[in-house]
Amino acid sequence: SIYLDSGKIDPRITPKAENINFQLRAPCKNISIPILEADKIVDLPEFDVNGQVVIYISGWRTTINGTTETQDMANAFNCRGGYNFLYVDPLNYVQTIYTWSAFNTEAVGAFVAEGIVKLVKKIPLKNIYLIGHSLGAQMVGKAGRQFTNLTGQYIPRITGLDPANPCFNEGEVLSGILRGDADFVDIIHTNPGVLGKKEPRGNVDFYVEGYGPIKPRCTKFGCSHKRAVKYYTESVYPGHESDFLAKRCNSLISLNTGRCDGPEYPMGFATPSNLNGKFFLNVNGVPPYGKNATTGIESNACGLCTK
């Protein structure tokens, strides 16, 4: 087109599996392995063969070394111990204009599924856990569906952190993450209806501060969109699993006026896999974000390299 010829719009880049890596983020070392050779990760001395495997994909315009939120999450899982944190590096397939990045989620997600098929030849499927933020949430949804198509089995759990909204609407080509992509799909909504999906997408959907698109101490949509990652990461740290307690409800107003019956359940890492429905909760504007938190994690060196 005239716009492509003028250089005003980045050209679409078609994803290739051989260009995508799993990066193992151990406390003292990051090691990248091609996704089509994923089974080789198990042979690395830094890999805990008896541990759980978390596979995380971040969102639009993020890079393998350019987001502190990803490293924060890796630190949290390393702090817990017994977890291998694998970051999916989609290279430049989500660095182009948003629309083309969105369409690339299907291909990248399918490649991730191929990598998981190789992984589960050496480790139990029950140890696999997928997490994604924004476009990454849509990718892990596709990865779950494709893994089932390839094997007839289901990923045990997928967590979607404010799944991307633009281009993933009813009647459009891209379906995005959905209940059924894994045995259990839990969603955390923090910028509903703008950058993130508003409609329920999982077995259980958590609406932080209700349906409003701006979270406490945020002034921009992007800040609220990223809060899903920050809230989840806080919940991973030992002793913080119940920082975010939510109730099944229809609205934040109902929650705050005491009209929501039933027990509270944790949002994030420790969400029970038998939950279903919509849950609401309030949060703090600064860390610790969870209203039920008793201590902070700002100065926590747990999970960091000590060599």
C-alpha atoms as a PDB file:
ATOM      1  CA  SER A   1       0.000   0.000   0.000  1.00  0.00           C
ATOM      2  CA  ILE A   2       0.967   3.661  -0.162  1.00  0.00           C
ATOM      3  CA  TYR A   3       1.463   3.656   3.615  1.00  0.00           C
ATOM      4  CA  LEU A   4       3.785   0.657   3.556  1.00  0.00           C
ATOM      5  CA  ASP A   5       5.748   2.157   0.678  1.00  0.00           C
ATOM      6  CA  SER A   6       6.100   5.427   2.555  1.00  0.00           C
ATOM      7  CA  GLY A   7       7.575   3.640   5.567  1.00  0.00           C
ATOM      8  CA  LYS A   8       4.910   5.007   7.913  1.00  0.00           C
ATOM      9  CA  ILE A   9       3.677   1.550   8.906  1.00  0.00           C
ATOM     10  CA  ASP A  10       5.893  -1.350   9.906  1.00  0.00           C
ATOM     11  CA  PRO A  11       5.482  -4.332   7.585  1.00  0.00           C
ATOM     12  CA  ARG A  12       3.887  -7.472   8.953  1.00  0.00           C
ATOM     13  CA  ILE A  13       6.436 -10.073  10.017  1.00  0.00           C
ATOM     14  CA  THR A  14       5.339 -13.682   9.678  1.00  0.00           C
ATOM     15  CA  PRO A  15       6.354 -15.720  12.734  1.00  0.00           C
ATOM     16  CA  LYS A  16       8.781 -18.609  12.289  1.00  0.00           C
ATOM     17  CA  ALA A  17       9.127 -21.234  14.991  1.00  0.00           C
ATOM     18  CA  GLU A  18      12.904 -21.440  14.607  1.00  0.00           C
ATOM     19  CA  ASN A  19      13.211 -17.795  15.694  1.00  0.00           C
ATOM     20  CA  ILE A  20      11.348 -18.228  18.992  1.00  0.00           C
ATOM     21  CA  ASN A  21      13.035 -19.275  22.236  1.00  0.00           C
ATOM     22  CA  PHE A  22      12.207 -20.430  25.715  1.00  0.00           C
ATOM     23  CA  GLN A  23      14.419 -18.534  28.154  1.00  0.00           C
ATOM     24  CA  LEU A  24      15.025 -20.210  31.511  1.00  0.00           C
ATOM     25  CA  ARG A  25      15.381 -17.478  34.122  1.00  0.00           C
ATOM     26  CA  ALA A  26      17.339 -18.964  37.003  1.00  0.00           C
ATOM     27  CA  PRO A  27      18.470 -16.706  39.878  1.00  0.00           C
ATOM     28  CA  CYS A  28      22.003 -16.231  38.513  1.00  0.00           C
ATOM     29  CA  LYS A  29      21.656 -17.028  34.821  1.00  0.00           C
ATOM     30  CA  ASN A  30      19.322 -16.673  31.839  1.00  0.00           C
ATOM     31  CA  ILE A  31      19.601 -19.438  29.248  1.00  0.00           C
ATOM     32  CA  SER A  32      17.759 -19.459  25.909  1.00  0.00           C
ATOM     33  CA  ILE A  33      16.811 -22.644  24.052  1.00  0.00           C
ATOM     34  CA  PRO A  34      15.004 -22.742  20.675  1.00  0.00           C
ATOM     35  CA  ILE A  35      11.370 -23.620  21.214  1.00  0.00           C
ATOM     36  CA  LEU A  36      11.640 -26.514  18.755  1.00  0.00           C
ATOM     37  CA  GLU A  37      14.386 -27.976  20.972  1.00  0.00           C
ATOM     38  CA  ALA A  38      12.484 -27.391  24.208  1.00  0.00           C
ATOM     39  CA  ASP A  39      13.267 -30.839  25.581  1.00  0.00           C
ATOM     40  CA  LYS A  40      16.936 -29.814  25.894  1.00  0.00           C
ATOM     41  CA  ILE A  41      16.007 -27.397  28.696  1.00  0.00           C
ATOM     42  CA  VAL A  42      15.505 -30.351  31.006  1.00  0.00           C
ATOM     43  CA  ASP A  43      19.202 -31.254  30.661  1.00  0.00           C
ATOM     44  CA  LEU A  44      20.431 -27.864  31.894  1.00  0.00           C
ATOM     45  CA  PRO A  45      22.023 -27.956  35.377  1.00  0.00           C
ATOM     46  CA  GLU A  46      19.937 -24.899  36.325  1.00  0.00           C
ATOM     47  CA  PHE A  47      16.692 -26.756  35.564  1.00  0.00           C
ATOM     48  CA  ASP A  48      14.914 -28.483  38.447  1.00  0.00           C
ATOM     49  CA  VAL A  49      13.616 -31.707  36.891  1.00  0.00           C
ATOM     50  CA  ASN A  50      11.328 -32.271  39.870  1.00  0.00           C
ATOM     51  CA  GLY A  51       9.949 -28.748  39.831  1.00  0.00           C
ATOM     52  CA  GLN A  52       6.904 -27.137  38.274  1.00  0.00           C
ATOM     53  CA  VAL A  53       7.345 -25.335  34.946  1.00  0.00           C
ATOM     54  CA  VAL A  54       5.858 -21.859  34.544  1.00  0.00           C
ATOM     55  CA  ILE A  55       5.735 -20.610  30.950  1.00  0.00           C
ATOM     56  CA  TYR A  56       5.127 -16.864  30.736  1.00  0.00           C
ATOM     57  CA  ILE A  57       4.432 -14.603  27.747  1.00  0.00           C
ATOM     58  CA  SER A  58       4.316 -10.819  28.123  1.00  0.00           C
ATOM     59  CA  GLY A  59       2.427  -8.299  26.005  1.00  0.00           C
ATOM     60  CA  TRP A  60       2.682  -5.961  23.036  1.00  0.00           C
ATOM     61  CA  ARG A  61       5.938  -4.095  22.446  1.00  0.00           C
ATOM     62  CA  THR A  62       7.732  -5.922  25.255  1.00  0.00           C
ATOM     63  CA  THR A  63      11.184  -7.401  24.690  1.00  0.00           C
ATOM     64  CA  ILE A  64      13.159 -10.160  26.338  1.00  0.00           C
ATOM     65  CA  ASN A  65      15.288  -7.679  28.294  1.00  0.00           C
ATOM     66  CA  GLY A  66      13.001  -4.671  28.324  1.00  0.00           C
ATOM     67  CA  THR A  67      10.401  -5.292  31.017  1.00  0.00           C
ATOM     68  CA  THR A  68      11.002  -5.238  34.754  1.00  0.00           C
ATOM     69  CA  GLU A  69       7.622  -6.874  35.367  1.00  0.00           C
ATOM     70  CA  THR A  70       8.826 -10.105  33.753  1.00  0.00           C
ATOM     71  CA  GLN A  71      11.971 -10.251  35.872  1.00  0.00           C
ATOM     72  CA  ASP A  72       9.950  -9.438  38.978  1.00  0.00           C
ATOM     73  CA  MET A  73       7.720 -12.435  38.291  1.00  0.00           C
ATOM     74  CA  ALA A  74      10.740 -14.666  37.662  1.00  0.00           C
ATOM     75  CA  ASN A  75      12.225 -13.532  40.986  1.00  0.00           C
ATOM     76  CA  ALA A  76       8.974 -14.343  42.763  1.00  0.00           C
ATOM     77  CA  PHE A  77       8.859 -17.900  41.424  1.00  0.00           C
ATOM     78  CA  ASN A  78      12.564 -18.411  42.114  1.00  0.00           C
ATOM     79  CA  CYS A  79      11.888 -17.229  45.658  1.00  0.00           C
ATOM     80  CA  ARG A  80       9.186 -19.866  46.107  1.00  0.00           C
ATOM     81  CA  GLY A  81      11.532 -22.617  45.007  1.00  0.00           C
ATOM     82  CA  GLY A  82      10.498 -25.726  43.136  1.00  0.00           C
ATOM     83  CA  TYR A  83       9.653 -23.731  40.007  1.00  0.00           C
ATOM     84  CA  ASN A  84      11.350 -23.315  36.638  1.00  0.00           C
ATOM     85  CA  PHE A  85      10.411 -19.967  35.075  1.00  0.00           C
ATOM     86  CA  LEU A  86      10.442 -20.017  31.273  1.00  0.00           C
ATOM     87  CA  TYR A  87       9.924 -16.756  29.418  1.00  0.00           C
ATOM     88  CA  VAL A  88       8.787 -17.007  25.813  1.00  0.00           C
ATOM     89  CA  ASP A  89      10.757 -14.638  23.615  1.00  0.00           C
ATOM     90  CA  PRO A  90       8.500 -13.946  20.608  1.00  0.00           C
ATOM     91  CA  LEU A  91      11.306 -11.884  19.049  1.00  0.00           C
ATOM     92  CA  ASN A  92       9.871  -9.049  16.936  1.00  0.00           C
ATOM     93  CA  TYR A  93       6.524 -10.681  16.195  1.00  0.00           C
ATOM     94  CA  VAL A  94       4.776  -8.456  18.735  1.00  0.00           C
ATOM     95  CA  GLN A  95       6.928  -5.395  18.051  1.00  0.00           C
ATOM     96  CA  THR A  96       5.129  -4.345  14.873  1.00  0.00           C
ATOM     97  CA  ILE A  97       1.859  -2.377  14.725  1.00  0.00           C
ATOM     98  CA  TYR A  98      -0.765  -3.681  17.129  1.00  0.00           C
ATOM     99  CA  THR A  99      -3.141  -5.225  14.585  1.00  0.00           C
ATOM    100  CA  TRP A 100      -0.458  -7.361  13.011  1.00  0.00           C
ATOM    101  CA  SER A 101       0.941  -8.248  16.424  1.00  0.00           C
ATOM    102  CA  ALA A 102      -2.542  -9.427  17.412  1.00  0.00           C
ATOM    103  CA  PHE A 103      -2.816 -11.657  14.352  1.00  0.00           C
ATOM    104  CA  ASN A 104       0.609 -13.121  15.145  1.00  0.00           C
ATOM    105  CA  THR A 105      -0.657 -14.395  18.502  1.00  0.00           C
ATOM    106  CA  GLU A 106      -2.220 -17.426  16.834  1.00  0.00           C
ATOM    107  CA  ALA A 107       1.026 -18.549  15.200  1.00  0.00           C
ATOM    108  CA  VAL A 108       3.219 -17.858  18.227  1.00  0.00           C
ATOM    109  CA  GLY A 109       0.761 -19.643  20.517  1.00  0.00           C
ATOM    110  CA  ALA A 110       0.779 -22.669  18.215  1.00  0.00           C
ATOM    111  CA  PHE A 111       4.587 -22.748  18.289  1.00  0.00           C
ATOM    112  CA  VAL A 112       4.530 -22.621  22.094  1.00  0.00           C
ATOM    113  CA  ALA A 113       2.231 -25.654  22.045  1.00  0.00           C
ATOM    114  CA  GLU A 114       4.788 -27.524  19.934  1.00  0.00           C
ATOM    115  CA  GLY A 115       7.447 -26.677  22.496  1.00  0.00           C
ATOM    116  CA  ILE A 116       5.254 -27.967  25.320  1.00  0.00           C
ATOM    117  CA  VAL A 117       4.691 -31.226  23.436  1.00  0.00           C
ATOM    118  CA  LYS A 118       8.464 -31.705  23.468  1.00  0.00           C
ATOM    119  CA  LEU A 119       8.732 -30.746  27.137  1.00  0.00           C
ATOM    120  CA  VAL A 120       6.134 -33.244  28.320  1.00  0.00           C
ATOM    121  CA  LYS A 121       8.157 -36.074  26.832  1.00  0.00           C
ATOM    122  CA  LYS A 122      10.550 -35.524  29.734  1.00  0.00           C
ATOM    123  CA  ILE A 123       8.429 -33.968  32.482  1.00  0.00           C
ATOM    124  CA  PRO A 124       4.857 -34.662  33.656  1.00  0.00           C
ATOM    125  CA  LEU A 125       2.090 -32.621  32.044  1.00  0.00           C
ATOM    126  CA  LYS A 126       0.718 -31.905  35.525  1.00  0.00           C
ATOM    127  CA  ASN A 127       3.805 -29.742  36.134  1.00  0.00           C
ATOM    128  CA  ILE A 128       3.042 -27.305  33.284  1.00  0.00           C
ATOM    129  CA  TYR A 129       1.445 -23.924  34.055  1.00  0.00           C
ATOM    130  CA  LEU A 130       0.912 -21.142  31.471  1.00  0.00           C
ATOM    131  CA  ILE A 131       0.623 -17.431  32.280  1.00  0.00           C
ATOM    132  CA  GLY A 132       0.236 -14.533  29.864  1.00  0.00           C
ATOM    133  CA  HIS A 133      -0.305 -10.782  30.009  1.00  0.00           C
ATOM    134  CA  SER A 134      -2.221  -8.753  27.412  1.00  0.00           C
ATOM    135  CA  LEU A 135      -1.383 -10.216  23.978  1.00  0.00           C
ATOM    136  CA  GLY A 136       0.589 -12.844  25.863  1.00  0.00           C
ATOM    137  CA  ALA A 137      -2.642 -13.977  27.517  1.00  0.00           C
ATOM    138  CA  GLN A 138      -4.156 -14.504  24.088  1.00  0.00           C
ATOM    139  CA  MET A 139      -1.065 -16.478  23.058  1.00  0.00           C
ATOM    140  CA  VAL A 140      -1.220 -18.863  26.015  1.00  0.00           C
ATOM    141  CA  GLY A 141      -4.900 -19.407  25.284  1.00  0.00           C
ATOM    142  CA  LYS A 142      -4.019 -20.453  21.747  1.00  0.00           C
ATOM    143  CA  ALA A 143      -1.152 -22.577  23.088  1.00  0.00           C
ATOM    144  CA  GLY A 144      -3.588 -24.438  25.311  1.00  0.00           C
ATOM    145  CA  ARG A 145      -6.057 -25.068  22.488  1.00  0.00           C
ATOM    146  CA  GLN A 146      -3.331 -26.177  20.105  1.00  0.00           C
ATOM    147  CA  PHE A 147      -1.762 -28.478  22.694  1.00  0.00           C
ATOM    148  CA  THR A 148      -5.135 -30.193  23.071  1.00  0.00           C
ATOM    149  CA  ASN A 149      -5.467 -30.448  19.286  1.00  0.00           C
ATOM    150  CA  LEU A 150      -2.044 -32.094  19.069  1.00  0.00           C
ATOM    151  CA  THR A 151      -2.307 -34.460  22.029  1.00  0.00           C
ATOM    152  CA  GLY A 152      -5.926 -34.781  23.128  1.00  0.00           C
ATOM    153  CA  GLN A 153      -4.817 -33.666  26.598  1.00  0.00           C
ATOM    154  CA  TYR A 154      -5.355 -30.417  28.489  1.00  0.00           C
ATOM    155  CA  ILE A 155      -2.899 -28.051  30.126  1.00  0.00           C
ATOM    156  CA  PRO A 156      -3.796 -28.094  33.857  1.00  0.00           C
ATOM    157  CA  ARG A 157      -3.977 -24.321  34.344  1.00  0.00           C
ATOM    158  CA  ILE A 158      -3.742 -21.110  32.338  1.00  0.00           C
ATOM    159  CA  THR A 159      -3.797 -17.665  33.949  1.00  0.00           C
ATOM    160  CA  GLY A 160      -4.675 -14.645  31.812  1.00  0.00           C
ATOM    161  CA  LEU A 161      -3.529 -11.277  33.144  1.00  0.00           C
ATOM    162  CA  ASP A 162      -5.791  -8.587  31.653  1.00  0.00           C
ATOM    163  CA  PRO A 163      -6.077 -10.295  28.238  1.00  0.00           C
ATOM    164  CA  ALA A 164      -5.790  -7.861  25.338  1.00  0.00           C
ATOM    165  CA  ASN A 165      -9.083  -6.366  24.168  1.00  0.00           C
ATOM    166  CA  PRO A 166      -8.561  -4.727  20.725  1.00  0.00           C
ATOM    167  CA  CYS A 167      -9.056  -7.215  17.856  1.00  0.00           C
ATOM    168  CA  PHE A 168     -10.355  -9.953  20.190  1.00  0.00           C
ATOM    169  CA  ASN A 169     -14.085  -9.305  20.119  1.00  0.00           C
ATOM    170  CA  GLU A 170     -17.118 -11.438  19.401  1.00  0.00           C
ATOM    171  CA  GLY A 171     -17.578 -12.011  15.695  1.00  0.00           C
ATOM    172  CA  GLU A 172     -13.969 -11.200  14.856  1.00  0.00           C
ATOM    173  CA  VAL A 173     -11.389 -13.646  13.538  1.00  0.00           C
ATOM    174  CA  LEU A 174      -9.400 -13.892  16.775  1.00  0.00           C
ATOM    175  CA  SER A 175     -11.212 -15.601  19.625  1.00  0.00           C
ATOM    176  CA  GLY A 176      -8.517 -15.158  22.269  1.00  0.00           C
ATOM    177  CA  ILE A 177      -8.223 -16.922  25.606  1.00  0.00           C
ATOM    178  CA  LEU A 178     -11.360 -18.755  26.705  1.00  0.00           C
ATOM    179  CA  ARG A 179     -12.663 -21.154  29.293  1.00  0.00           C
ATOM    180  CA  GLY A 180     -11.814 -24.614  27.994  1.00  0.00           C
ATOM    181  CA  ASP A 181      -8.305 -23.728  26.817  1.00  0.00           C
ATOM    182  CA  ALA A 182      -7.069 -25.617  29.904  1.00  0.00           C
ATOM    183  CA  ASP A 183      -8.582 -27.670  32.703  1.00  0.00           C
ATOM    184  CA  PHE A 184      -8.751 -24.407  34.653  1.00  0.00           C
ATOM    185  CA  VAL A 185      -8.567 -20.858  33.284  1.00  0.00           C
ATOM    186  CA  ASP A 186      -8.443 -17.902  35.677  1.00  0.00           C
ATOM    187  CA  ILE A 187      -8.482 -14.280  34.538  1.00  0.00           C
ATOM    188  CA  ILE A 188      -7.494 -11.063  36.318  1.00  0.00           C
ATOM    189  CA  HIS A 189      -9.098  -7.914  34.837  1.00  0.00           C
ATOM    190  CA  THR A 190      -7.470  -4.531  35.552  1.00  0.00           C
ATOM    191  CA  ASN A 191      -8.262  -2.357  32.521  1.00  0.00           C
ATOM    192  CA  PRO A 192     -11.599  -3.810  31.423  1.00  0.00           C
ATOM    193  CA  GLY A 193     -13.128  -2.571  28.208  1.00  0.00           C
ATOM    194  CA  VAL A 194     -10.106  -0.589  27.045  1.00  0.00           C
ATOM    195  CA  LEU A 195      -6.745  -2.341  26.705  1.00  0.00           C
ATOM    196  CA  GLY A 196      -8.063  -5.437  28.485  1.00  0.00           C
ATOM    197  CA  LYS A 197     -11.153  -7.582  28.023  1.00  0.00           C
ATOM    198  CA  LYS A 198     -14.239  -6.768  30.086  1.00  0.00           C
ATOM    199  CA  GLU A 199     -16.258  -9.886  29.332  1.00  0.00           C
ATOM    200  CA  PRO A 200     -15.682 -13.031  31.417  1.00  0.00           C
ATOM    201  CA  ARG A 201     -13.211 -15.306  29.660  1.00  0.00           C
ATOM    202  CA  GLY A 202     -12.305 -17.989  32.167  1.00  0.00           C
ATOM    203  CA  ASN A 203     -13.703 -20.451  34.640  1.00  0.00           C
ATOM    204  CA  VAL A 204     -13.236 -17.649  37.139  1.00  0.00           C
ATOM    205  CA  ASP A 205     -12.810 -13.930  36.439  1.00  0.00           C
ATOM    206  CA  PHE A 206     -11.502 -11.445  39.009  1.00  0.00           C
ATOM    207  CA  TYR A 207     -12.460  -7.786  38.599  1.00  0.00           C
ATOM    208  CA  VAL A 208     -10.058  -5.637  40.589  1.00  0.00           C
ATOM    209  CA  GLU A 209     -11.885  -2.504  41.767  1.00  0.00           C
ATOM    210  CA  GLY A 210     -14.806  -3.490  39.573  1.00  0.00           C
ATOM    211  CA  TYR A 211     -15.376  -2.563  35.944  1.00  0.00           C
ATOM    212  CA  GLY A 212     -13.630   0.816  36.092  1.00  0.00           C
ATOM    213  CA  PRO A 213     -10.656   1.034  33.713  1.00  0.00           C
ATOM    214  CA  ILE A 214      -8.371   2.996  36.070  1.00  0.00           C
ATOM    215  CA  LYS A 215      -6.862   1.354  39.141  1.00  0.00           C
ATOM    216  CA  PRO A 216      -5.827   3.163  42.360  1.00  0.00           C
ATOM    217  CA  ARG A 217      -2.804   5.466  41.916  1.00  0.00           C
ATOM    218  CA  CYS A 218      -2.914   5.035  38.131  1.00  0.00           C
ATOM    219  CA  THR A 219      -3.767   7.909  35.803  1.00  0.00           C
ATOM    220  CA  LYS A 220      -3.311   6.126  32.468  1.00  0.00           C
ATOM    221  CA  PHE A 221      -4.785   3.006  30.917  1.00  0.00           C
ATOM    222  CA  GLY A 222      -1.345   1.449  30.435  1.00  0.00           C
ATOM    223  CA  CYS A 223      -0.597   1.670  34.148  1.00  0.00           C
ATOM    224  CA  SER A 224      -3.844  -0.106  35.000  1.00  0.00           C
ATOM    225  CA  HIS A 225      -3.222  -2.710  32.293  1.00  0.00           C
ATOM    226  CA  LYS A 226       0.156  -3.616  33.840  1.00  0.00           C
ATOM    227  CA  ARG A 227      -1.232  -3.778  37.358  1.00  0.00           C
ATOM    228  CA  ALA A 228      -2.549  -7.280  36.625  1.00  0.00           C
ATOM    229  CA  VAL A 229       1.071  -8.462  36.426  1.00  0.00           C
ATOM    230  CA  LYS A 230       2.053  -6.624  39.602  1.00  0.00           C
ATOM    231  CA  TYR A 231      -0.893  -7.988  41.581  1.00  0.00           C
ATOM    232  CA  TYR A 232      -0.252 -11.522  40.423  1.00  0.00           C
ATOM    233  CA  THR A 233       3.488 -11.318  41.127  1.00  0.00           C
ATOM    234  CA  GLU A 234       2.855 -10.148  44.684  1.00  0.00           C
ATOM    235  CA  SER A 235       0.668 -13.200  45.261  1.00  0.00           C
ATOM    236  CA  VAL A 236       3.481 -15.565  44.220  1.00  0.00           C
ATOM    237  CA  TYR A 237       5.836 -14.609  47.059  1.00  0.00           C
ATOM    238  CA  PRO A 238       5.733 -16.966  50.059  1.00  0.00           C
ATOM    239  CA  GLY A 239       3.431 -15.553  52.715  1.00  0.00           C
ATOM    240  CA  HIS A 240       1.578 -13.357  50.216  1.00  0.00           C
ATOM    241  CA  GLU A 241      -0.673 -15.996  48.646  1.00  0.00           C
ATOM    242  CA  SER A 242      -3.744 -14.552  50.386  1.00  0.00           C
ATOM    243  CA  ASP A 243      -2.959 -10.853  49.919  1.00  0.00           C
ATOM    244  CA  PHE A 244      -5.846 -10.479  47.461  1.00  0.00           C
ATOM    245  CA  LEU A 245      -9.112 -11.865  48.815  1.00  0.00           C
ATOM    246  CA  ALA A 246     -12.188 -11.653  46.600  1.00  0.00           C
ATOM    247  CA  LYS A 247     -15.878 -12.511  46.869  1.00  0.00           C
ATOM    248  CA  ARG A 248     -18.256 -13.873  44.263  1.00  0.00           C
ATOM    249  CA  CYS A 249     -20.427 -10.903  43.380  1.00  0.00           C
ATOM    250  CA  ASN A 250     -22.165  -8.968  40.608  1.00  0.00           C
ATOM    251  CA  SER A 251     -20.520  -5.585  41.119  1.00  0.00           C
ATOM    252  CA  LEU A 252     -18.061  -3.628  43.224  1.00  0.00           C
ATOM    253  CA  ILE A 253     -20.917  -1.581  44.692  1.00  0.00           C
ATOM    254  CA  SER A 254     -22.577  -4.760  45.931  1.00  0.00           C
ATOM    255  CA  LEU A 255     -19.273  -5.876  47.437  1.00  0.00           C
ATOM    256  CA  ASN A 256     -18.639  -2.580  49.207  1.00  0.00           C
ATOM    257  CA  THR A 257     -22.172  -2.401  50.610  1.00  0.00           C
ATOM    258  CA  GLY A 258     -22.037  -5.889  52.083  1.00  0.00           C
ATOM    259  CA  ARG A 259     -24.463  -7.491  49.656  1.00  0.00           C
ATOM    260  CA  CYS A 260     -22.146 -10.305  48.552  1.00  0.00           C
ATOM    261  CA  ASP A 261     -22.543 -13.517  50.516  1.00  0.00           C
ATOM    262  CA  GLY A 262     -20.148 -16.405  50.731  1.00  0.00           C
ATOM    263  CA  PRO A 263     -16.487 -16.849  51.655  1.00  0.00           C
ATOM    264  CA  GLU A 264     -13.477 -14.960  50.352  1.00  0.00           C
ATOM    265  CA  TYR A 265     -11.022 -16.665  48.001  1.00  0.00           C
ATOM    266  CA  PRO A 266      -7.482 -15.690  46.987  1.00  0.00           C
ATOM    267  CA  MET A 267      -6.846 -14.112  43.609  1.00  0.00           C
ATOM    268  CA  GLY A 268      -3.563 -14.949  41.915  1.00  0.00           C
ATOM    269  CA  PHE A 269      -1.129 -17.749  42.552  1.00  0.00           C
ATOM    270  CA  ALA A 270      -3.262 -19.614  45.102  1.00  0.00           C
ATOM    271  CA  THR A 271      -6.643 -19.373  43.361  1.00  0.00           C
ATOM    272  CA  PRO A 272      -8.445 -22.702  43.930  1.00  0.00           C
ATOM    273  CA  SER A 273      -8.961 -24.661  40.723  1.00  0.00           C
ATOM    274  CA  ASN A 274     -12.605 -25.407  41.557  1.00  0.00           C
ATOM    275  CA  LEU A 275     -13.741 -21.759  41.544  1.00  0.00           C
ATOM    276  CA  ASN A 276     -16.127 -20.424  38.944  1.00  0.00           C
ATOM    277  CA  GLY A 277     -17.951 -17.183  38.283  1.00  0.00           C
ATOM    278  CA  LYS A 278     -17.165 -13.496  38.729  1.00  0.00           C
ATOM    279  CA  PHE A 279     -15.308 -12.226  41.782  1.00  0.00           C
ATOM    280  CA  PHE A 280     -14.681  -8.663  42.945  1.00  0.00           C
ATOM    281  CA  LEU A 281     -12.115  -7.123  45.280  1.00  0.00           C
ATOM    282  CA  ASN A 282     -10.489  -3.883  46.379  1.00  0.00           C
ATOM    283  CA  VAL A 283      -6.745  -3.202  46.364  1.00  0.00           C
ATOM    284  CA  ASN A 284      -4.246  -0.687  47.699  1.00  0.00           C
ATOM    285  CA  GLY A 285      -2.772   1.987  45.465  1.00  0.00           C
ATOM    286  CA  VAL A 286       0.818   1.237  46.493  1.00  0.00           C
ATOM    287  CA  PRO A 287       2.701  -1.974  47.397  1.00  0.00           C
ATOM    288  CA  PRO A 288       1.776  -4.185  49.031  1.00  0.00           C
ATOM    289  CA  TYR A 289      -1.251  -3.981  46.754  1.00  0.00           C
ATOM    290  CA  GLY A 290      -3.270  -6.673  48.485  1.00  0.00           C
ATOM    291  CA  LYS A 291      -5.690  -5.431  51.147  1.00  0.00           C
ATOM    292  CA  ASN A 292      -4.944  -8.541  53.194  1.00  0.00           C
ATOM    293  CA  ALA A 293      -1.153  -8.114  53.054  1.00  0.00           C
ATOM    294  CA  THR A 294       0.687  -7.917  56.365  1.00  0.00           C
ATOM    295  CA  THR A 295       4.196  -7.232  55.023  1.00  0.00           C
ATOM    296  CA  GLY A 296       5.708  -5.735  51.893  1.00  0.00           C
ATOM    297  CA  ILE A 297       8.073  -7.305  49.356  1.00  0.00           C
ATOM    298  CA  GLU A 298       9.866  -4.172  48.116  1.00  0.00           C
ATOM    299  CA  SER A 299      13.182  -5.027  49.793  1.00  0.00           C
ATOM    300  CA  ASN A 300      12.808  -8.778  49.477  1.00  0.00           C
ATOM    301  CA  ALA A 301      16.043 -10.262  48.108  1.00  0.00           C
ATOM    302  CA  CYS A 302      14.539 -13.750  47.996  1.00  0.00           C
ATOM    303  CA  GLY A 303      14.908 -15.254  44.534  1.00  0.00           C
ATOM    304  CA  LEU A 304      17.838 -13.042  43.549  1.00  0.00           C
ATOM    305  CA  CYS A 305      21.355 -14.205  42.728  1.00  0.00           C
ATOM    306  CA  THR A 306      23.532 -14.388  45.838  1.00  0.00           C
ATOM    307  CA  LYS A 307      26.809 -15.409  44.165  1.00  0.00           C
END
